[in-house]
N, C-alpha and C. Protein backbone atom coordinates (compact mmCIF):
# COMPACT_ATOMS: atom_id res chain seq x y z
N MET A 1 -64.18 -51.64 -63.12
CA MET A 1 -64.45 -52.84 -62.99
C MET A 1 -65.89 -53.15 -62.20
N ARG A 2 -66.18 -52.43 -62.09
CA ARG A 2 -67.87 -51.62 -61.66
C ARG A 2 -68.52 -52.12 -63.51
N GLU A 3 -68.38 -51.47 -64.33
CA GLU A 3 -68.79 -51.45 -65.13
C GLU A 3 -68.93 -52.91 -66.43
N SER A 4 -67.43 -53.62 -65.74
CA SER A 4 -67.24 -54.70 -66.72
C SER A 4 -68.33 -55.49 -65.91
N PHE A 5 -68.47 -55.35 -64.52
CA PHE A 5 -69.59 -56.75 -63.58
C PHE A 5 -70.52 -56.32 -64.31
N ARG A 6 -71.05 -54.62 -64.54
CA ARG A 6 -72.86 -54.58 -65.11
C ARG A 6 -73.07 -55.22 -66.39
N ARG A 7 -72.34 -54.85 -67.03
CA ARG A 7 -72.20 -55.51 -68.64
C ARG A 7 -72.23 -56.70 -68.75
N LEU A 8 -71.49 -58.18 -67.66
CA LEU A 8 -71.70 -59.27 -66.89
C LEU A 8 -72.87 -60.22 -66.93
N LEU A 9 -73.21 -59.01 -66.16
CA LEU A 9 -74.26 -59.55 -65.23
C LEU A 9 -75.70 -60.31 -65.86
N PRO A 10 -76.10 -59.84 -67.03
CA PRO A 10 -76.85 -60.64 -67.11
C PRO A 10 -76.73 -62.09 -67.84
N TRP A 11 -75.57 -62.44 -67.90
CA TRP A 11 -75.29 -63.38 -68.27
C TRP A 11 -74.18 -64.50 -66.94
N ILE A 12 -73.84 -63.92 -65.89
CA ILE A 12 -73.93 -64.80 -64.76
C ILE A 12 -74.44 -65.47 -64.93
N ASN A 13 -74.25 -66.93 -64.35
CA ASN A 13 -75.41 -67.96 -63.80
C ASN A 13 -76.10 -67.62 -62.62
N ASP A 14 -76.98 -67.93 -62.89
CA ASP A 14 -78.46 -67.56 -61.05
C ASP A 14 -77.43 -67.94 -60.07
N GLU A 15 -77.76 -67.59 -58.82
CA GLU A 15 -77.45 -67.59 -57.42
C GLU A 15 -75.74 -67.78 -57.69
N VAL A 16 -75.41 -67.50 -58.33
CA VAL A 16 -73.68 -67.18 -58.32
C VAL A 16 -73.45 -65.84 -57.08
N TRP A 17 -72.67 -65.92 -56.60
CA TRP A 17 -72.29 -64.62 -55.99
C TRP A 17 -70.50 -64.50 -55.55
N ILE A 18 -69.90 -63.52 -55.92
CA ILE A 18 -68.80 -63.02 -56.90
C ILE A 18 -68.03 -61.44 -56.24
N VAL A 19 -67.32 -62.16 -55.43
CA VAL A 19 -66.40 -60.95 -54.74
C VAL A 19 -65.17 -60.80 -55.66
N ALA A 20 -64.95 -59.40 -55.99
CA ALA A 20 -63.59 -59.37 -56.84
C ALA A 20 -62.75 -58.05 -56.26
N SER A 21 -61.62 -57.87 -56.09
CA SER A 21 -60.77 -57.16 -56.06
C SER A 21 -59.69 -56.45 -57.13
N LEU A 22 -60.19 -54.95 -57.21
CA LEU A 22 -58.38 -54.98 -58.44
C LEU A 22 -56.91 -54.88 -57.56
N ARG A 23 -56.96 -55.60 -58.27
CA ARG A 23 -55.13 -55.60 -57.48
C ARG A 23 -53.99 -54.56 -58.79
N GLU A 24 -53.15 -54.34 -58.15
CA GLU A 24 -52.37 -52.81 -58.33
C GLU A 24 -52.11 -53.00 -59.86
N ASN A 25 -51.78 -54.46 -60.51
CA ASN A 25 -51.32 -54.54 -61.45
C ASN A 25 -52.22 -53.76 -62.66
N GLY A 26 -53.70 -53.71 -62.00
CA GLY A 26 -54.93 -53.67 -62.90
C GLY A 26 -55.45 -52.82 -62.95
N LEU A 27 -54.58 -51.53 -62.06
CA LEU A 27 -55.32 -50.03 -62.35
C LEU A 27 -54.47 -49.21 -63.54
N GLY A 28 -53.56 -50.25 -63.98
CA GLY A 28 -53.42 -49.03 -65.75
C GLY A 28 -54.19 -49.68 -66.03
N LYS A 29 -55.22 -51.06 -66.42
CA LYS A 29 -56.13 -51.21 -67.70
C LYS A 29 -57.28 -50.70 -68.23
N SER A 30 -57.35 -50.54 -68.99
CA SER A 30 -58.63 -50.00 -70.12
C SER A 30 -60.05 -51.01 -69.07
N SER A 31 -61.33 -50.52 -68.93
CA SER A 31 -61.73 -50.73 -68.45
C SER A 31 -62.47 -51.95 -70.04
N LYS A 32 -62.09 -52.26 -71.22
CA LYS A 32 -62.41 -52.99 -72.29
C LYS A 32 -61.41 -53.85 -71.84
N ASP A 33 -60.15 -53.91 -71.32
CA ASP A 33 -59.25 -54.58 -70.95
C ASP A 33 -59.56 -56.22 -69.45
N LEU A 34 -60.07 -54.93 -68.50
CA LEU A 34 -60.48 -55.88 -66.98
C LEU A 34 -61.66 -56.56 -68.23
N TYR A 35 -62.63 -55.99 -68.40
CA TYR A 35 -63.82 -56.65 -68.79
C TYR A 35 -63.14 -58.06 -69.39
N ARG A 36 -62.60 -57.78 -70.62
CA ARG A 36 -61.92 -59.46 -71.31
C ARG A 36 -61.58 -60.57 -70.24
N ASP A 37 -60.83 -59.95 -69.53
CA ASP A 37 -59.56 -60.64 -68.37
C ASP A 37 -61.15 -61.07 -67.61
N ILE A 38 -62.33 -60.80 -67.65
CA ILE A 38 -63.37 -60.75 -66.11
C ILE A 38 -64.20 -61.73 -66.83
N ALA A 39 -64.63 -61.66 -67.71
CA ALA A 39 -65.27 -62.36 -68.44
C ALA A 39 -64.50 -63.99 -68.84
N ARG A 40 -63.29 -63.92 -69.74
CA ARG A 40 -62.21 -65.39 -69.28
C ARG A 40 -62.55 -65.28 -68.39
N SER A 41 -62.06 -65.08 -67.69
CA SER A 41 -62.58 -65.85 -65.89
C SER A 41 -63.82 -66.26 -65.47
N LEU A 42 -64.71 -66.07 -66.09
CA LEU A 42 -66.00 -66.05 -65.51
C LEU A 42 -66.38 -67.64 -66.65
N LYS A 43 -66.03 -67.30 -67.78
CA LYS A 43 -66.24 -68.25 -68.23
C LYS A 43 -65.04 -70.07 -67.87
N ARG A 44 -64.00 -69.84 -68.21
CA ARG A 44 -63.03 -71.16 -67.81
C ARG A 44 -63.79 -71.47 -66.74
N ARG A 45 -64.47 -71.22 -65.27
CA ARG A 45 -65.02 -70.99 -64.21
C ARG A 45 -65.99 -72.10 -63.79
N GLY A 46 -67.06 -71.91 -65.60
CA GLY A 46 -68.45 -72.20 -66.06
C GLY A 46 -69.14 -71.46 -65.31
N LEU A 47 -69.18 -70.48 -64.84
CA LEU A 47 -70.45 -69.44 -64.74
C LEU A 47 -70.96 -68.43 -65.21
N MET A 48 -70.53 -68.62 -66.81
CA MET A 48 -71.40 -67.79 -67.54
C MET A 48 -72.55 -68.83 -68.25
N ARG A 49 -73.71 -68.10 -68.75
CA ARG A 49 -74.80 -69.32 -69.09
C ARG A 49 -74.66 -69.14 -70.34
N PRO A 50 -75.11 -70.12 -71.18
CA PRO A 50 -74.40 -70.73 -72.02
C PRO A 50 -75.40 -69.58 -73.24
N ASP A 51 -76.35 -69.11 -72.94
CA ASP A 51 -76.50 -68.16 -74.17
C ASP A 51 -75.70 -66.92 -74.27
N TRP A 52 -74.24 -66.74 -73.44
CA TRP A 52 -74.07 -65.54 -73.08
C TRP A 52 -73.36 -65.75 -74.73
N PRO A 53 -73.27 -64.07 -75.22
CA PRO A 53 -73.14 -64.10 -76.96
C PRO A 53 -71.01 -64.00 -76.73
N GLY A 54 -70.44 -63.80 -75.39
CA GLY A 54 -69.21 -63.85 -75.71
C GLY A 54 -68.37 -62.11 -75.68
N PRO A 55 -67.48 -62.88 -75.29
CA PRO A 55 -66.07 -61.58 -74.73
C PRO A 55 -66.72 -60.08 -75.45
N ASP A 56 -67.64 -59.76 -76.04
CA ASP A 56 -67.43 -58.71 -77.14
C ASP A 56 -68.20 -57.45 -76.09
N TRP A 57 -66.80 -56.13 -75.78
CA TRP A 57 -67.10 -55.06 -74.71
C TRP A 57 -68.59 -54.34 -75.74
N ASP A 58 -69.43 -54.24 -76.53
CA ASP A 58 -69.58 -53.88 -77.45
C ASP A 58 -71.01 -54.35 -77.75
N LEU A 59 -71.84 -55.36 -77.34
CA LEU A 59 -72.75 -55.58 -77.09
C LEU A 59 -73.71 -55.00 -76.07
N ASP A 60 -75.21 -55.57 -75.87
CA ASP A 60 -75.91 -55.08 -75.60
C ASP A 60 -76.52 -56.35 -74.36
N LYS A 61 -77.29 -56.46 -73.49
CA LYS A 61 -77.58 -57.17 -72.20
C LYS A 61 -78.68 -58.14 -73.10
N ASP A 62 -78.49 -57.81 -74.52
CA ASP A 62 -79.45 -58.73 -75.49
C ASP A 62 -78.49 -59.38 -76.65
N GLY A 63 -77.14 -59.05 -76.19
CA GLY A 63 -76.44 -59.42 -77.28
C GLY A 63 -76.48 -58.44 -79.03
N LYS A 64 -76.56 -57.90 -79.02
CA LYS A 64 -76.99 -56.93 -79.80
C LYS A 64 -75.63 -55.94 -80.02
N PRO A 65 -75.72 -55.54 -81.27
CA PRO A 65 -74.54 -54.50 -81.25
C PRO A 65 -75.01 -53.44 -80.80
N CYS A 66 -74.20 -52.48 -79.67
CA CYS A 66 -75.01 -51.06 -78.79
C CYS A 66 -74.69 -49.82 -79.80
N ASP A 67 -75.32 -48.95 -79.55
CA ASP A 67 -75.37 -47.69 -80.47
C ASP A 67 -74.00 -47.24 -79.89
């Protein structure tokens, strides 16, 4: 979960505070699955910046493919 938020942090709107807790059913999920779930949740709530490139795990903080 920490890695998911680290990757999403550049695109989360300024002045947003998030308190997160992983529930038991999330313990069996992969990092990519958690990332997609968190990203979709933040987007639905309007917490992502307009320039966010979308929930692609393989993009870096500039929206370019990771090597």
